[in-house]
């Protein structure tokens, strides 16, 4: 009982407004299938009522996205079905996607956990139902639930539309800097919210990813870039020409051999 949790890259990310404590966005998400965590349900040595999540996460169990997804599933009426599985099985995660890297590792883990639970525990949830549950865990989770290779994502992550295009061979540059999403968005709200360009965001949603990367520079493609650089100035040392930033950082990417 194993599933891969793929990373994602934001080809572009435009902030379009705010909704309470959240920010609304328009973005192109693409799966990076060369990088993934692995989620497995493995037999426990001894049956117990405890829900066990094993792996190198660098956070407490309560902060773990898989644990959050489990709690929300229980609150949604699936506790009995889950207890049947997790009385005898633990969740084991092999982490490869760096934390706070802009690649959606935690969100992808939560989505893959939900998908595997749906299959193994026979929850019989539709994809749209799982997506609504996933949104309660995090804004990026619904994208991973749908498992689209490429999609336009809007709102706080709840509006997802498949975008048909040729897949890109992307090169990722992992930067040894952890960028906290909350800090970056907080800086953006305080210093750059008046710079949003909704018309440009809507235009970008119509263009193929390859064209976007050829037409626009890194700063135009990602509204968060300048805020990330303000919060984490050392990132400037790695941001050379031709590289773009995914999400709130710190991973950089470009099309291979172009």
Protein backbone atom coordinates (compact mmCIF):
# COMPACT_ATOMS: atom_id res chain seq x y z
CA UNK A 1 0.00 0.00 0.00
CA UNK A 2 2.20 2.77 -1.35
CA UNK A 3 1.68 5.99 -3.30
CA UNK A 4 4.06 8.63 -4.65
CA UNK A 5 3.53 12.26 -3.62
CA UNK A 6 4.95 14.38 -6.43
CA UNK A 7 6.38 17.89 -6.12
CA UNK A 8 4.85 20.82 -8.00
CA UNK A 9 6.29 23.92 -9.63
CA UNK A 10 4.52 27.25 -10.05
CA UNK A 11 5.31 28.37 -13.60
CA UNK A 12 3.79 31.69 -12.64
CA UNK A 13 2.14 32.94 -9.45
CA UNK A 14 0.15 36.16 -9.37
CA UNK A 15 -1.56 37.42 -6.23
CA UNK A 16 -5.04 38.70 -7.11
CA UNK A 17 -6.33 39.87 -3.72
CA UNK A 18 -7.06 38.83 -0.16
CA UNK A 19 -9.76 36.77 1.54
CA UNK A 20 -9.56 37.16 5.31
CA UNK A 21 -6.14 35.89 6.35
CA UNK A 22 -5.65 34.20 2.98
CA UNK A 23 -4.43 35.57 -0.34
CA UNK A 24 -6.19 34.75 -3.60
CA UNK A 25 -3.98 33.77 -6.51
CA UNK A 26 -3.89 32.91 -10.19
CA UNK A 27 -1.18 30.37 -10.93
CA UNK A 28 -0.06 27.59 -13.26
CA UNK A 29 0.80 24.46 -11.29
CA UNK A 30 2.71 21.66 -13.00
CA UNK A 31 3.73 18.34 -11.47
CA UNK A 32 7.47 17.69 -11.18
CA UNK A 33 7.39 13.90 -11.47
CA UNK A 34 11.16 13.52 -11.05
CA UNK A 35 10.87 14.49 -7.36
CA UNK A 36 8.50 12.82 -4.94
CA UNK A 37 7.92 11.63 -1.39
CA UNK A 38 6.60 8.11 -0.85
CA UNK A 39 3.64 7.39 1.44
CA UNK A 40 3.20 3.79 2.66
CA UNK A 41 0.84 2.05 5.06
CA UNK A 42 3.03 -0.53 6.81
CA UNK A 43 2.02 -3.24 9.35
CA UNK A 44 2.51 -2.35 13.02
CA UNK A 45 4.50 -4.77 15.16
CA UNK A 46 1.60 -4.76 17.57
CA UNK A 47 -2.00 -3.56 17.13
CA UNK A 48 -2.84 -0.29 18.92
CA UNK A 49 -5.35 2.56 18.85
CA UNK A 50 -2.58 5.12 18.25
CA UNK A 51 -2.36 6.78 14.82
CA UNK A 52 1.33 6.58 13.93
CA UNK A 53 3.10 8.70 11.30
CA UNK A 54 6.77 7.81 10.83
CA UNK A 55 9.31 9.84 8.86
CA UNK A 56 11.75 12.73 8.99
CA UNK A 57 9.43 15.75 8.91
CA UNK A 58 11.18 18.36 11.02
CA UNK A 59 7.92 19.31 12.76
CA UNK A 60 5.63 18.09 15.53
CA UNK A 61 2.90 15.53 14.82
CA UNK A 62 0.22 18.18 15.33
CA UNK A 63 1.80 20.36 12.61
CA UNK A 64 2.15 17.46 10.19
CA UNK A 65 -0.15 17.75 7.16
CA UNK A 66 -0.85 14.00 7.13
CA UNK A 67 -1.99 14.13 10.76
CA UNK A 68 -4.17 17.16 9.94
CA UNK A 69 -5.71 15.27 7.01
CA UNK A 70 -6.36 12.27 9.26
CA UNK A 71 -8.09 14.43 11.89
CA UNK A 72 -10.30 16.10 9.27
CA UNK A 73 -11.25 12.72 7.78
CA UNK A 74 -12.24 11.52 11.25
CA UNK A 75 -14.32 14.66 11.80
CA UNK A 76 -15.97 14.08 8.40
CA UNK A 77 -17.50 10.79 9.53
CA UNK A 78 -14.82 8.28 8.51
CA UNK A 79 -13.29 7.50 11.92
CA UNK A 80 -14.58 3.91 12.13
CA UNK A 81 -13.24 3.02 8.68
CA UNK A 82 -9.88 4.63 9.45
CA UNK A 83 -9.59 2.93 12.84
CA UNK A 84 -9.95 -0.41 11.11
CA UNK A 85 -6.91 0.34 8.93
CA UNK A 86 -4.68 2.20 11.38
CA UNK A 87 -5.17 -0.14 14.32
CA UNK A 88 -2.86 -2.52 12.49
CA UNK A 89 -0.97 -0.14 10.17
CA UNK A 90 1.27 2.91 10.54
CA UNK A 91 1.92 5.62 7.96
CA UNK A 92 5.55 5.67 6.80
CA UNK A 93 6.81 8.59 4.74
CA UNK A 94 10.07 8.69 2.82
CA UNK A 95 10.83 12.40 2.46
CA UNK A 96 12.67 13.70 -0.60
CA UNK A 97 10.93 17.02 -1.22
CA UNK A 98 12.67 19.66 0.94
CA UNK A 99 10.58 21.48 3.56
CA UNK A 100 9.73 25.15 2.89
CA UNK A 101 11.08 24.94 -0.66
CA UNK A 102 8.06 26.12 -2.68
CA UNK A 103 7.45 22.63 -4.09
CA UNK A 104 4.34 21.73 -2.10
CA UNK A 105 5.79 18.71 -0.31
CA UNK A 106 3.52 18.88 2.72
CA UNK A 107 0.44 19.48 0.58
CA UNK A 108 1.32 16.63 -1.75
CA UNK A 109 1.85 14.29 1.22
CA UNK A 110 -1.59 15.18 2.60
CA UNK A 111 -3.26 14.69 -0.78
CA UNK A 112 -1.58 11.33 -1.35
CA UNK A 113 -2.57 10.21 2.15
CA UNK A 114 -6.19 11.13 1.43
CA UNK A 115 -6.14 9.27 -1.89
CA UNK A 116 -4.59 6.17 -0.31
CA UNK A 117 -7.09 6.24 2.57
CA UNK A 118 -9.93 6.51 0.09
CA UNK A 119 -8.69 3.38 -1.66
CA UNK A 120 -7.56 1.24 1.28
CA UNK A 121 -10.30 2.16 3.77
CA UNK A 122 -12.93 2.11 0.99
CA UNK A 123 -14.25 5.56 1.88
CA UNK A 124 -15.91 5.88 -1.55
CA UNK A 125 -15.31 9.64 -1.73
CA UNK A 126 -15.48 11.35 -5.12
CA UNK A 127 -12.46 13.40 -6.18
CA UNK A 128 -14.34 16.66 -5.63
CA UNK A 129 -15.29 15.53 -2.10
CA UNK A 130 -11.67 14.67 -1.28
CA UNK A 131 -10.63 18.03 -2.71
CA UNK A 132 -12.93 19.88 -0.31
CA UNK A 133 -11.50 17.89 2.60
CA UNK A 134 -7.97 18.61 1.35
CA UNK A 135 -8.63 22.36 1.16
CA UNK A 136 -9.18 22.33 4.93
CA UNK A 137 -5.61 21.02 5.28
CA UNK A 138 -3.96 23.51 2.93
CA UNK A 139 -4.56 25.66 -0.15
CA UNK A 140 -2.37 23.55 -2.48
CA UNK A 141 -3.80 20.16 -1.49
CA UNK A 142 -6.72 20.09 -4.00
CA UNK A 143 -4.33 20.37 -6.97
CA UNK A 144 -2.55 17.21 -5.88
CA UNK A 145 -5.86 15.42 -5.29
CA UNK A 146 -6.79 15.91 -8.95
CA UNK A 147 -3.32 14.75 -10.06
CA UNK A 148 -3.34 16.97 -13.15
CA UNK A 149 -0.01 17.24 -14.96
CA UNK A 150 -0.72 20.94 -15.53
CA UNK A 151 -3.54 23.12 -14.20
CA UNK A 152 -4.62 26.70 -13.65
CA UNK A 153 -5.28 27.28 -9.96
CA UNK A 154 -7.25 30.28 -8.70
CA UNK A 155 -8.90 31.64 -5.57
CA UNK A 156 -7.35 30.22 -2.40
CA UNK A 157 -6.63 26.98 -4.25
CA UNK A 158 -10.18 25.70 -4.65
CA UNK A 159 -10.58 26.57 -8.34
CA UNK A 160 -8.63 24.04 -10.40
CA UNK A 161 -8.85 23.69 -14.17
CA UNK A 162 -6.83 21.21 -16.22
CA UNK A 163 -4.56 22.97 -18.72
CA UNK A 164 -3.72 20.89 -21.76
CA UNK A 165 -0.13 21.36 -22.90
CA UNK A 166 3.04 19.43 -23.65
CA UNK A 167 4.94 18.50 -20.51
CA UNK A 168 8.13 20.41 -19.77
CA UNK A 169 11.49 18.91 -18.86
CA UNK A 170 12.28 21.11 -15.88
CA UNK A 171 15.58 21.43 -14.06
CA UNK A 172 15.28 22.16 -10.34
CA UNK A 173 17.88 23.99 -8.27
CA UNK A 174 17.48 23.16 -4.58
CA UNK A 175 18.60 26.07 -2.43
CA UNK A 176 19.74 25.44 1.18
CA UNK A 177 17.36 28.11 2.50
CA UNK A 178 13.98 27.39 4.10
CA UNK A 179 11.44 30.04 3.13
CA UNK A 180 8.42 30.28 5.40
CA UNK A 181 5.31 30.86 3.30
CA UNK A 182 3.56 32.85 6.03
CA UNK A 183 6.47 35.29 6.36
CA UNK A 184 6.67 35.87 2.60
CA UNK A 185 2.94 36.48 2.18
CA UNK A 186 2.93 38.75 5.24
CA UNK A 187 5.67 40.88 3.66
CA UNK A 188 3.79 40.94 0.36
CA UNK A 189 0.56 42.08 2.04
CA UNK A 190 2.37 44.85 3.89
CA UNK A 191 4.60 46.14 1.08
CA UNK A 192 3.38 44.97 -2.34
CA UNK A 193 -0.38 44.39 -2.26
CA UNK A 194 -0.97 47.61 -4.19
CA UNK A 195 1.17 46.26 -7.07
CA UNK A 196 -1.16 43.41 -8.06
CA UNK A 197 -2.12 43.23 -11.74
CA UNK A 198 -5.27 41.14 -12.21
CA UNK A 199 -5.45 41.81 -15.95
CA UNK A 200 -1.96 40.37 -16.45
CA UNK A 201 -2.82 37.39 -14.24
CA UNK A 202 -5.86 36.58 -16.38
CA UNK A 203 -3.80 36.87 -19.56
CA UNK A 204 -1.15 34.50 -18.20
CA UNK A 205 -3.76 31.82 -17.48
CA UNK A 206 -4.34 31.48 -21.24
CA UNK A 207 -0.70 30.97 -22.28
CA UNK A 208 1.23 27.65 -22.42
CA UNK A 209 3.93 27.28 -19.78
CA UNK A 210 6.77 27.24 -22.29
CA UNK A 211 5.57 30.54 -23.77
CA UNK A 212 5.22 32.08 -20.32
CA UNK A 213 8.81 31.21 -19.43
CA UNK A 214 10.08 32.70 -22.69
CA UNK A 215 7.98 35.86 -22.55
CA UNK A 216 8.33 37.01 -18.94
CA UNK A 217 11.19 37.45 -16.48
CA UNK A 218 11.32 35.85 -13.03
CA UNK A 219 10.01 38.96 -11.23
CA UNK A 220 6.97 39.28 -13.50
CA UNK A 221 6.19 35.56 -13.34
CA UNK A 222 6.15 35.39 -9.55
CA UNK A 223 4.66 38.22 -7.50
CA UNK A 224 6.25 36.78 -4.35
CA UNK A 225 9.83 36.89 -5.61
CA UNK A 226 10.70 40.38 -4.34
CA UNK A 227 9.12 39.67 -0.95
CA UNK A 228 11.03 36.39 -0.68
CA UNK A 229 14.27 38.19 -1.52
CA UNK A 230 13.50 40.83 1.11
CA UNK A 231 12.85 38.16 3.74
CA UNK A 232 15.76 35.95 2.64
CA UNK A 233 18.43 38.18 1.00
CA UNK A 234 20.91 35.29 0.65
CA UNK A 235 18.67 33.82 -2.06
CA UNK A 236 19.92 36.57 -4.41
CA UNK A 237 23.26 34.75 -4.60
CA UNK A 238 21.56 31.82 -6.34
CA UNK A 239 19.13 33.66 -8.63
CA UNK A 240 21.03 33.90 -11.91
CA UNK A 241 19.57 34.74 -15.32
CA UNK A 242 17.12 32.22 -16.75
CA UNK A 243 16.07 30.80 -13.39
CA UNK A 244 12.60 31.33 -11.91
CA UNK A 245 11.29 30.78 -8.38
CA UNK A 246 8.52 28.33 -7.46
CA UNK A 247 5.90 29.37 -4.91
CA UNK A 248 7.26 31.40 -2.01
CA UNK A 249 10.73 29.86 -2.52
CA UNK A 250 13.35 28.77 -2.24
CA UNK A 251 13.55 26.30 -5.15
CA UNK A 252 14.52 27.71 -8.53
CA UNK A 253 13.72 26.13 -11.88
CA UNK A 254 14.20 26.46 -15.63
CA UNK A 255 13.55 24.42 -18.76
CA UNK A 256 16.44 22.02 -19.34
CA UNK A 257 18.84 22.78 -22.19
CA UNK A 258 17.23 26.09 -23.15
